[in-house]
Amino acid sequence: MPTMDTHNVAHPTVQLMANFMNYLSVSLYESEFTKNHQDSYATLQSIYDNVILTPSELPQLHDIKQFYENIVYLGNVTYTDDPDYYTYKRGLRKYFTTTK
């Protein structure tokens, strides 16, 4: 039976963040971005770039909450009718509302 290297398995929160980043890469209306939208997206990218350095670890609570808040902020420039988007969003929110 093959063994699995648990160091290469991403934490579920990091997986949700990756799902969001992939989703946003094709769903954002960047032509409608204001400076604040640009800053918010840059914050998302920065947080994501940091958490993927240690993907098997739960990100800091502050990073999860800030990531979520920026997702919410970008909602008005995100095209979606995909139910997965809302599933990802609920899943991410769960981590900072239930983890104290």
PDB file of N, CA and C in Angstrom:
ATOM      1  N   MET A   1       0.838  -1.169   0.000  1.00  0.00           N
ATOM      2  CA  MET A   1       0.000   0.000   0.000  1.00  0.00           C
ATOM      3  C   MET A   1       0.891   1.242   0.000  1.00  0.00           C
ATOM      4  N   PRO A   2       0.672   2.182  -0.939  1.00  0.00           N
ATOM      5  CA  PRO A   2       1.516   3.374  -0.996  1.00  0.00           C
ATOM      6  C   PRO A   2       1.231   4.292   0.189  1.00  0.00           C
ATOM      7  N   THR A   3       2.265   4.953   0.652  1.00  0.00           N
ATOM      8  CA  THR A   3       2.090   5.914   1.733  1.00  0.00           C
ATOM      9  C   THR A   3       1.974   7.307   1.144  1.00  0.00           C
ATOM     10  N   MET A   4       1.244   8.153   1.856  1.00  0.00           N
ATOM     11  CA  MET A   4       1.048   9.512   1.379  1.00  0.00           C
ATOM     12  C   MET A   4       1.902  10.454   2.222  1.00  0.00           C
ATOM     13  N   ASP A   5       2.614  11.335   1.563  1.00  0.00           N
ATOM     14  CA  ASP A   5       3.417  12.330   2.249  1.00  0.00           C
ATOM     15  C   ASP A   5       2.484  13.453   2.699  1.00  0.00           C
ATOM     16  N   THR A   6       2.203  13.516   3.995  1.00  0.00           N
ATOM     17  CA  THR A   6       1.256  14.504   4.497  1.00  0.00           C
ATOM     18  C   THR A   6       1.779  15.929   4.416  1.00  0.00           C
ATOM     19  N   HIS A   7       3.056  16.124   4.201  1.00  0.00           N
ATOM     20  CA  HIS A   7       3.604  17.467   4.072  1.00  0.00           C
ATOM     21  C   HIS A   7       3.199  18.111   2.749  1.00  0.00           C
ATOM     22  N   ASN A   8       2.774  17.318   1.781  1.00  0.00           N
ATOM     23  CA  ASN A   8       2.385  17.848   0.486  1.00  0.00           C
ATOM     24  C   ASN A   8       0.879  18.009   0.342  1.00  0.00           C
ATOM     25  N   VAL A   9       0.126  17.745   1.403  1.00  0.00           N
ATOM     26  CA  VAL A   9      -1.319  17.870   1.370  1.00  0.00           C
ATOM     27  C   VAL A   9      -1.689  19.256   1.893  1.00  0.00           C
ATOM     28  N   ALA A  10      -2.428  19.999   1.095  1.00  0.00           N
ATOM     29  CA  ALA A  10      -2.806  21.341   1.511  1.00  0.00           C
ATOM     30  C   ALA A  10      -3.909  21.299   2.559  1.00  0.00           C
ATOM     31  N   HIS A  11      -3.823  22.199   3.509  1.00  0.00           N
ATOM     32  CA  HIS A  11      -4.866  22.364   4.514  1.00  0.00           C
ATOM     33  C   HIS A  11      -6.151  22.778   3.780  1.00  0.00           C
ATOM     34  N   PRO A  12      -7.314  22.336   4.249  1.00  0.00           N
ATOM     35  CA  PRO A  12      -8.570  22.700   3.576  1.00  0.00           C
ATOM     36  C   PRO A  12      -8.756  24.209   3.380  1.00  0.00           C
ATOM     37  N   THR A  13      -8.298  25.019   4.311  1.00  0.00           N
ATOM     38  CA  THR A  13      -8.420  26.475   4.154  1.00  0.00           C
ATOM     39  C   THR A  13      -7.545  26.972   3.012  1.00  0.00           C
ATOM     40  N   VAL A  14      -6.354  26.424   2.890  1.00  0.00           N
ATOM     41  CA  VAL A  14      -5.470  26.803   1.789  1.00  0.00           C
ATOM     42  C   VAL A  14      -6.086  26.344   0.466  1.00  0.00           C
ATOM     43  N   GLN A  15      -6.717  25.193   0.461  1.00  0.00           N
ATOM     44  CA  GLN A  15      -7.416  24.720  -0.742  1.00  0.00           C
ATOM     45  C   GLN A  15      -8.538  25.688  -1.126  1.00  0.00           C
ATOM     46  N   LEU A  16      -9.300  26.162  -0.133  1.00  0.00           N
ATOM     47  CA  LEU A  16     -10.361  27.137  -0.419  1.00  0.00           C
ATOM     48  C   LEU A  16      -9.777  28.418  -0.997  1.00  0.00           C
ATOM     49  N   MET A  17      -8.669  28.869  -0.435  1.00  0.00           N
ATOM     50  CA  MET A  17      -8.023  30.078  -0.954  1.00  0.00           C
ATOM     51  C   MET A  17      -7.573  29.870  -2.399  1.00  0.00           C
ATOM     52  N   ALA A  18      -7.016  28.701  -2.680  1.00  0.00           N
ATOM     53  CA  ALA A  18      -6.588  28.390  -4.053  1.00  0.00           C
ATOM     54  C   ALA A  18      -7.792  28.365  -4.987  1.00  0.00           C
ATOM     55  N   ASN A  19      -8.881  27.770  -4.539  1.00  0.00           N
ATOM     56  CA  ASN A  19     -10.103  27.750  -5.345  1.00  0.00           C
ATOM     57  C   ASN A  19     -10.570  29.172  -5.656  1.00  0.00           C
ATOM     58  N   PHE A  20     -10.546  30.037  -4.645  1.00  0.00           N
ATOM     59  CA  PHE A  20     -10.935  31.430  -4.860  1.00  0.00           C
ATOM     60  C   PHE A  20     -10.021  32.117  -5.857  1.00  0.00           C
ATOM     61  N   MET A  21      -8.732  31.964  -5.684  1.00  0.00           N
ATOM     62  CA  MET A  21      -7.802  32.638  -6.587  1.00  0.00           C
ATOM     63  C   MET A  21      -7.994  32.164  -8.027  1.00  0.00           C
ATOM     64  N   ASN A  22      -8.204  30.863  -8.204  1.00  0.00           N
ATOM     65  CA  ASN A  22      -8.466  30.342  -9.547  1.00  0.00           C
ATOM     66  C   ASN A  22      -9.781  30.881 -10.089  1.00  0.00           C
ATOM     67  N   TYR A  23     -10.783  30.906  -9.253  1.00  0.00           N
ATOM     68  CA  TYR A  23     -12.085  31.397  -9.665  1.00  0.00           C
ATOM     69  C   TYR A  23     -12.015  32.870 -10.053  1.00  0.00           C
ATOM     70  N   LEU A  24     -11.373  33.664  -9.216  1.00  0.00           N
ATOM     71  CA  LEU A  24     -11.286  35.095  -9.487  1.00  0.00           C
ATOM     72  C   LEU A  24     -10.472  35.407 -10.734  1.00  0.00           C
ATOM     73  N   SER A  25      -9.518  34.553 -11.057  1.00  0.00           N
ATOM     74  CA  SER A  25      -8.680  34.820 -12.237  1.00  0.00           C
ATOM     75  C   SER A  25      -9.501  34.864 -13.522  1.00  0.00           C
ATOM     76  N   VAL A  26     -10.681  34.264 -13.520  1.00  0.00           N
ATOM     77  CA  VAL A  26     -11.531  34.288 -14.715  1.00  0.00           C
ATOM     78  C   VAL A  26     -12.849  35.007 -14.501  1.00  0.00           C
ATOM     79  N   SER A  27     -13.109  35.465 -13.269  1.00  0.00           N
ATOM     80  CA  SER A  27     -14.423  36.027 -12.963  1.00  0.00           C
ATOM     81  C   SER A  27     -14.423  37.505 -12.593  1.00  0.00           C
ATOM     82  N   LEU A  28     -13.268  38.107 -12.470  1.00  0.00           N
ATOM     83  CA  LEU A  28     -13.219  39.518 -12.087  1.00  0.00           C
ATOM     84  C   LEU A  28     -13.383  40.420 -13.302  1.00  0.00           C
ATOM     85  N   TYR A  29     -14.130  41.470 -13.122  1.00  0.00           N
ATOM     86  CA  TYR A  29     -14.243  42.522 -14.136  1.00  0.00           C
ATOM     87  C   TYR A  29     -13.175  43.569 -13.835  1.00  0.00           C
ATOM     88  N   GLU A  30     -11.950  43.272 -14.223  1.00  0.00           N
ATOM     89  CA  GLU A  30     -10.841  44.167 -13.887  1.00  0.00           C
ATOM     90  C   GLU A  30     -10.980  45.526 -14.562  1.00  0.00           C
ATOM     91  N   SER A  31     -11.704  45.590 -15.677  1.00  0.00           N
ATOM     92  CA  SER A  31     -11.894  46.888 -16.337  1.00  0.00           C
ATOM     93  C   SER A  31     -12.735  47.833 -15.480  1.00  0.00           C
ATOM     94  N   GLU A  32     -13.455  47.303 -14.507  1.00  0.00           N
ATOM     95  CA  GLU A  32     -14.282  48.124 -13.621  1.00  0.00           C
ATOM     96  C   GLU A  32     -13.603  48.390 -12.271  1.00  0.00           C
ATOM     97  N   PHE A  33     -12.366  47.964 -12.130  1.00  0.00           N
ATOM     98  CA  PHE A  33     -11.640  48.155 -10.870  1.00  0.00           C
ATOM     99  C   PHE A  33     -11.403  49.630 -10.588  1.00  0.00           C
ATOM    100  N   THR A  34     -11.594  49.977  -9.333  1.00  0.00           N
ATOM    101  CA  THR A  34     -11.128  51.259  -8.828  1.00  0.00           C
ATOM    102  C   THR A  34      -9.765  50.996  -8.191  1.00  0.00           C
ATOM    103  N   LYS A  35      -9.141  52.026  -7.694  1.00  0.00           N
ATOM    104  CA  LYS A  35      -7.869  51.863  -6.978  1.00  0.00           C
ATOM    105  C   LYS A  35      -8.064  50.941  -5.773  1.00  0.00           C
ATOM    106  N   ASN A  36      -9.183  51.092  -5.080  1.00  0.00           N
ATOM    107  CA  ASN A  36      -9.464  50.251  -3.919  1.00  0.00           C
ATOM    108  C   ASN A  36      -9.623  48.779  -4.312  1.00  0.00           C
ATOM    109  N   HIS A  37     -10.244  48.515  -5.458  1.00  0.00           N
ATOM    110  CA  HIS A  37     -10.359  47.137  -5.938  1.00  0.00           C
ATOM    111  C   HIS A  37      -8.979  46.569  -6.250  1.00  0.00           C
ATOM    112  N   GLN A  38      -8.141  47.378  -6.884  1.00  0.00           N
ATOM    113  CA  GLN A  38      -6.780  46.938  -7.194  1.00  0.00           C
ATOM    114  C   GLN A  38      -6.016  46.604  -5.916  1.00  0.00           C
ATOM    115  N   ASP A  39      -6.151  47.455  -4.917  1.00  0.00           N
ATOM    116  CA  ASP A  39      -5.484  47.212  -3.637  1.00  0.00           C
ATOM    117  C   ASP A  39      -6.015  45.950  -2.968  1.00  0.00           C
ATOM    118  N   SER A  40      -7.312  45.760  -3.034  1.00  0.00           N
ATOM    119  CA  SER A  40      -7.934  44.587  -2.422  1.00  0.00           C
ATOM    120  C   SER A  40      -7.451  43.301  -3.094  1.00  0.00           C
ATOM    121  N   TYR A  41      -7.392  43.316  -4.413  1.00  0.00           N
ATOM    122  CA  TYR A  41      -6.925  42.139  -5.141  1.00  0.00           C
ATOM    123  C   TYR A  41      -5.446  41.876  -4.854  1.00  0.00           C
ATOM    124  N   ALA A  42      -4.665  42.940  -4.756  1.00  0.00           N
ATOM    125  CA  ALA A  42      -3.241  42.792  -4.420  1.00  0.00           C
ATOM    126  C   ALA A  42      -3.086  42.195  -3.019  1.00  0.00           C
ATOM    127  N   THR A  43      -3.949  42.588  -2.096  1.00  0.00           N
ATOM    128  CA  THR A  43      -3.920  42.024  -0.749  1.00  0.00           C
ATOM    129  C   THR A  43      -4.223  40.536  -0.797  1.00  0.00           C
ATOM    130  N   LEU A  44      -5.239  40.150  -1.565  1.00  0.00           N
ATOM    131  CA  LEU A  44      -5.561  38.721  -1.731  1.00  0.00           C
ATOM    132  C   LEU A  44      -4.357  37.952  -2.254  1.00  0.00           C
ATOM    133  N   GLN A  45      -3.734  38.477  -3.279  1.00  0.00           N
ATOM    134  CA  GLN A  45      -2.584  37.802  -3.876  1.00  0.00           C
ATOM    135  C   GLN A  45      -1.437  37.682  -2.881  1.00  0.00           C
ATOM    136  N   SER A  46      -1.215  38.726  -2.098  1.00  0.00           N
ATOM    137  CA  SER A  46      -0.140  38.710  -1.114  1.00  0.00           C
ATOM    138  C   SER A  46      -0.403  37.667  -0.024  1.00  0.00           C
ATOM    139  N   ILE A  47      -1.614  37.643   0.486  1.00  0.00           N
ATOM    140  CA  ILE A  47      -1.968  36.656   1.507  1.00  0.00           C
ATOM    141  C   ILE A  47      -1.801  35.255   0.939  1.00  0.00           C
ATOM    142  N   TYR A  48      -2.319  35.042  -0.252  1.00  0.00           N
ATOM    143  CA  TYR A  48      -2.236  33.717  -0.875  1.00  0.00           C
ATOM    144  C   TYR A  48      -0.780  33.312  -1.103  1.00  0.00           C
ATOM    145  N   ASP A  49       0.022  34.233  -1.601  1.00  0.00           N
ATOM    146  CA  ASP A  49       1.439  33.932  -1.830  1.00  0.00           C
ATOM    147  C   ASP A  49       2.137  33.509  -0.542  1.00  0.00           C
ATOM    148  N   ASN A  50       1.733  34.095   0.572  1.00  0.00           N
ATOM    149  CA  ASN A  50       2.331  33.745   1.867  1.00  0.00           C
ATOM    150  C   ASN A  50       1.840  32.400   2.386  1.00  0.00           C
ATOM    151  N   VAL A  51       0.546  32.127   2.270  1.00  0.00           N
ATOM    152  CA  VAL A  51       0.028  30.876   2.841  1.00  0.00           C
ATOM    153  C   VAL A  51       0.460  29.652   2.042  1.00  0.00           C
ATOM    154  N   ILE A  52       0.720  29.822   0.757  1.00  0.00           N
ATOM    155  CA  ILE A  52       1.140  28.644  -0.013  1.00  0.00           C
ATOM    156  C   ILE A  52       2.588  28.252   0.251  1.00  0.00           C
ATOM    157  N   LEU A  53       3.293  29.071   1.010  1.00  0.00           N
ATOM    158  CA  LEU A  53       4.654  28.693   1.400  1.00  0.00           C
ATOM    159  C   LEU A  53       4.634  27.513   2.370  1.00  0.00           C
ATOM    160  N   THR A  54       3.564  27.390   3.133  1.00  0.00           N
ATOM    161  CA  THR A  54       3.377  26.268   4.072  1.00  0.00           C
ATOM    162  C   THR A  54       1.941  25.747   3.899  1.00  0.00           C
ATOM    163  N   PRO A  55       1.658  25.122   2.768  1.00  0.00           N
ATOM    164  CA  PRO A  55       0.275  24.762   2.436  1.00  0.00           C
ATOM    165  C   PRO A  55      -0.397  23.766   3.374  1.00  0.00           C
ATOM    166  N   SER A  56       0.365  22.960   4.081  1.00  0.00           N
ATOM    167  CA  SER A  56      -0.258  21.963   4.955  1.00  0.00           C
ATOM    168  C   SER A  56      -0.673  22.551   6.303  1.00  0.00           C
ATOM    169  N   GLU A  57      -0.306  23.812   6.562  1.00  0.00           N
ATOM    170  CA  GLU A  57      -0.618  24.443   7.836  1.00  0.00           C
ATOM    171  C   GLU A  57      -1.826  25.370   7.708  1.00  0.00           C
ATOM    172  N   LEU A  58      -2.626  25.408   8.772  1.00  0.00           N
ATOM    173  CA  LEU A  58      -3.736  26.349   8.832  1.00  0.00           C
ATOM    174  C   LEU A  58      -3.165  27.764   8.841  1.00  0.00           C
ATOM    175  N   PRO A  59      -3.630  28.623   7.921  1.00  0.00           N
ATOM    176  CA  PRO A  59      -3.137  30.003   7.932  1.00  0.00           C
ATOM    177  C   PRO A  59      -3.535  30.729   9.215  1.00  0.00           C
ATOM    178  N   GLN A  60      -2.857  31.816   9.497  1.00  0.00           N
ATOM    179  CA  GLN A  60      -3.184  32.637  10.650  1.00  0.00           C
ATOM    180  C   GLN A  60      -4.631  33.121  10.533  1.00  0.00           C
ATOM    181  N   LEU A  61      -5.320  33.185  11.649  1.00  0.00           N
ATOM    182  CA  LEU A  61      -6.713  33.620  11.684  1.00  0.00           C
ATOM    183  C   LEU A  61      -6.874  34.998  11.039  1.00  0.00           C
ATOM    184  N   HIS A  62      -5.945  35.894  11.333  1.00  0.00           N
ATOM    185  CA  HIS A  62      -5.984  37.237  10.749  1.00  0.00           C
ATOM    186  C   HIS A  62      -5.935  37.167   9.211  1.00  0.00           C
ATOM    187  N   ASP A  63      -5.082  36.304   8.671  1.00  0.00           N
ATOM    188  CA  ASP A  63      -4.975  36.167   7.216  1.00  0.00           C
ATOM    189  C   ASP A  63      -6.266  35.627   6.609  1.00  0.00           C
ATOM    190  N   ILE A  64      -6.873  34.661   7.279  1.00  0.00           N
ATOM    191  CA  ILE A  64      -8.123  34.085   6.768  1.00  0.00           C
ATOM    192  C   ILE A  64      -9.212  35.153   6.744  1.00  0.00           C
ATOM    193  N   LYS A  65      -9.326  35.890   7.836  1.00  0.00           N
ATOM    194  CA  LYS A  65     -10.361  36.923   7.923  1.00  0.00           C
ATOM    195  C   LYS A  65     -10.118  38.028   6.900  1.00  0.00           C
ATOM    196  N   GLN A  66      -8.883  38.457   6.768  1.00  0.00           N
ATOM    197  CA  GLN A  66      -8.568  39.509   5.799  1.00  0.00           C
ATOM    198  C   GLN A  66      -8.815  39.021   4.363  1.00  0.00           C
ATOM    199  N   PHE A  67      -8.478  37.781   4.089  1.00  0.00           N
ATOM    200  CA  PHE A  67      -8.725  37.206   2.769  1.00  0.00           C
ATOM    201  C   PHE A  67     -10.228  37.237   2.479  1.00  0.00           C
ATOM    202  N   TYR A  68     -11.018  36.779   3.434  1.00  0.00           N
ATOM    203  CA  TYR A  68     -12.474  36.757   3.279  1.00  0.00           C
ATOM    204  C   TYR A  68     -13.028  38.169   3.066  1.00  0.00           C
ATOM    205  N   GLU A  69     -12.589  39.117   3.871  1.00  0.00           N
ATOM    206  CA  GLU A  69     -13.089  40.490   3.752  1.00  0.00           C
ATOM    207  C   GLU A  69     -12.784  41.080   2.378  1.00  0.00           C
ATOM    208  N   ASN A  70     -11.643  40.731   1.815  1.00  0.00           N
ATOM    209  CA  ASN A  70     -11.301  41.222   0.483  1.00  0.00           C
ATOM    210  C   ASN A  70     -12.124  40.528  -0.594  1.00  0.00           C
ATOM    211  N   ILE A  71     -12.458  39.261  -0.391  1.00  0.00           N
ATOM    212  CA  ILE A  71     -13.362  38.559  -1.311  1.00  0.00           C
ATOM    213  C   ILE A  71     -14.709  39.274  -1.321  1.00  0.00           C
ATOM    214  N   VAL A  72     -15.212  39.597  -0.132  1.00  0.00           N
ATOM    215  CA  VAL A  72     -16.491  40.300  -0.014  1.00  0.00           C
ATOM    216  C   VAL A  72     -16.410  41.657  -0.705  1.00  0.00           C
ATOM    217  N   TYR A  73     -15.322  42.383  -0.479  1.00  0.00           N
ATOM    218  CA  TYR A  73     -15.169  43.701  -1.086  1.00  0.00           C
ATOM    219  C   TYR A  73     -15.187  43.616  -2.619  1.00  0.00           C
ATOM    220  N   LEU A  74     -14.581  42.576  -3.161  1.00  0.00           N
ATOM    221  CA  LEU A  74     -14.521  42.429  -4.625  1.00  0.00           C
ATOM    222  C   LEU A  74     -15.813  41.865  -5.217  1.00  0.00           C
ATOM    223  N   GLY A  75     -16.792  41.600  -4.386  1.00  0.00           N
ATOM    224  CA  GLY A  75     -18.046  41.006  -4.850  1.00  0.00           C
ATOM    225  C   GLY A  75     -18.732  41.784  -5.955  1.00  0.00           C
ATOM    226  N   ASN A  76     -18.677  43.104  -5.912  1.00  0.00           N
ATOM    227  CA  ASN A  76     -19.372  43.889  -6.939  1.00  0.00           C
ATOM    228  C   ASN A  76     -18.629  43.955  -8.271  1.00  0.00           C
ATOM    229  N   VAL A  77     -17.416  43.427  -8.339  1.00  0.00           N
ATOM    230  CA  VAL A  77     -16.692  43.354  -9.615  1.00  0.00           C
ATOM    231  C   VAL A  77     -16.362  41.901  -9.964  1.00  0.00           C
ATOM    232  N   THR A  78     -17.117  40.979  -9.358  1.00  0.00           N
ATOM    233  CA  THR A  78     -16.942  39.551  -9.612  1.00  0.00           C
ATOM    234  C   THR A  78     -18.200  39.016 -10.271  1.00  0.00           C
ATOM    235  N   TYR A  79     -18.045  38.437 -11.445  1.00  0.00           N
ATOM    236  CA  TYR A  79     -19.180  37.821 -12.112  1.00  0.00           C
ATOM    237  C   TYR A  79     -19.319  36.402 -11.598  1.00  0.00           C
ATOM    238  N   THR A  80     -20.499  36.068 -11.091  1.00  0.00           N
ATOM    239  CA  THR A  80     -20.717  34.692 -10.672  1.00  0.00           C
ATOM    240  C   THR A  80     -22.188  34.333 -10.640  1.00  0.00           C
ATOM    241  N   ASP A  81     -22.471  33.183 -11.143  1.00  0.00           N
ATOM    242  CA  ASP A  81     -23.757  32.532 -10.918  1.00  0.00           C
ATOM    243  C   ASP A  81     -23.481  31.072 -10.559  1.00  0.00           C
ATOM    244  N   ASP A  82     -22.224  30.824 -10.229  1.00  0.00           N
ATOM    245  CA  ASP A  82     -21.749  29.483  -9.897  1.00  0.00           C
ATOM    246  C   ASP A  82     -21.961  29.214  -8.408  1.00  0.00           C
ATOM    247  N   PRO A  83     -22.722  28.168  -8.057  1.00  0.00           N
ATOM    248  CA  PRO A  83     -22.945  27.875  -6.642  1.00  0.00           C
ATOM    249  C   PRO A  83     -21.660  27.521  -5.895  1.00  0.00           C
ATOM    250  N   ASP A  84     -20.622  27.054  -6.585  1.00  0.00           N
ATOM    251  CA  ASP A  84     -19.352  26.745  -5.924  1.00  0.00           C
ATOM    252  C   ASP A  84     -18.748  27.985  -5.262  1.00  0.00           C
ATOM    253  N   TYR A  85     -18.926  29.138  -5.901  1.00  0.00           N
ATOM    254  CA  TYR A  85     -18.396  30.382  -5.347  1.00  0.00           C
ATOM    255  C   TYR A  85     -18.922  30.596  -3.932  1.00  0.00           C
ATOM    256  N   TYR A  86     -20.219  30.401  -3.754  1.00  0.00           N
ATOM    257  CA  TYR A  86     -20.836  30.616  -2.447  1.00  0.00           C
ATOM    258  C   TYR A  86     -20.462  29.509  -1.463  1.00  0.00           C
ATOM    259  N   THR A  87     -20.246  28.312  -1.969  1.00  0.00           N
ATOM    260  CA  THR A  87     -19.773  27.212  -1.123  1.00  0.00           C
ATOM    261  C   THR A  87     -18.372  27.532  -0.615  1.00  0.00           C
ATOM    262  N   TYR A  88     -17.503  28.013  -1.488  1.00  0.00           N
ATOM    263  CA  TYR A  88     -16.149  28.403  -1.086  1.00  0.00           C
ATOM    264  C   TYR A  88     -16.220  29.511  -0.033  1.00  0.00           C
ATOM    265  N   LYS A  89     -17.076  30.490  -0.285  1.00  0.00           N
ATOM    266  CA  LYS A  89     -17.192  31.641   0.599  1.00  0.00           C
ATOM    267  C   LYS A  89     -17.671  31.214   1.994  1.00  0.00           C
ATOM    268  N   ARG A  90     -18.699  30.376   2.054  1.00  0.00           N
ATOM    269  CA  ARG A  90     -19.188  29.881   3.341  1.00  0.00           C
ATOM    270  C   ARG A  90     -18.106  29.068   4.054  1.00  0.00           C
ATOM    271  N   GLY A  91     -17.403  28.237   3.307  1.00  0.00           N
ATOM    272  CA  GLY A  91     -16.344  27.414   3.893  1.00  0.00           C
ATOM    273  C   GLY A  91     -15.240  28.252   4.491  1.00  0.00           C
ATOM    274  N   LEU A  92     -14.861  29.309   3.796  1.00  0.00           N
ATOM    275  CA  LEU A  92     -13.802  30.184   4.298  1.00  0.00           C
ATOM    276  C   LEU A  92     -14.271  30.943   5.529  1.00  0.00           C
ATOM    277  N   ARG A  93     -15.486  31.435   5.484  1.00  0.00           N
ATOM    278  CA  ARG A  93     -16.036  32.181   6.630  1.00  0.00           C
ATOM    279  C   ARG A  93     -16.101  31.292   7.872  1.00  0.00           C
ATOM    280  N   LYS A  94     -16.391  30.028   7.666  1.00  0.00           N
ATOM    281  CA  LYS A  94     -16.487  29.082   8.780  1.00  0.00           C
ATOM    282  C   LYS A  94     -15.207  29.045   9.602  1.00  0.00           C
ATOM    283  N   TYR A  95     -14.057  29.144   8.945  1.00  0.00           N
ATOM    284  CA  TYR A  95     -12.777  29.035   9.643  1.00  0.00           C
ATOM    285  C   TYR A  95     -12.511  30.179  10.602  1.00  0.00           C
ATOM    286  N   PHE A  96     -12.917  31.404  10.249  1.00  0.00           N
ATOM    287  CA  PHE A  96     -12.624  32.477  11.180  1.00  0.00           C
ATOM    288  C   PHE A  96     -13.784  32.757  12.134  1.00  0.00           C
ATOM    289  N   THR A  97     -14.971  32.233  11.854  1.00  0.00           N
ATOM    290  CA  THR A  97     -16.061  32.423  12.806  1.00  0.00           C
ATOM    291  C   THR A  97     -16.099  31.335  13.866  1.00  0.00           C
ATOM    292  N   THR A  98     -15.552  30.162  13.570  1.00  0.00           N
ATOM    293  CA  THR A  98     -15.568  29.071  14.540  1.00  0.00           C
ATOM    294  C   THR A  98     -14.224  28.861  15.211  1.00  0.00           C
ATOM    295  N   THR A  99     -13.187  29.491  14.711  1.00  0.00           N
ATOM    296  CA  THR A  99     -11.843  29.342  15.275  1.00  0.00           C
ATOM    297  C   THR A  99     -11.497  30.605  16.044  1.00  0.00           C
ATOM    298  N   LYS A 100     -11.339  30.470  17.313  1.00  0.00           N
ATOM    299  CA  LYS A 100     -10.975  31.635  18.141  1.00  0.00           C
ATOM    300  C   LYS A 100      -9.744  31.310  18.941  1.00  0.00           C
TER     301      LYS A 100
END
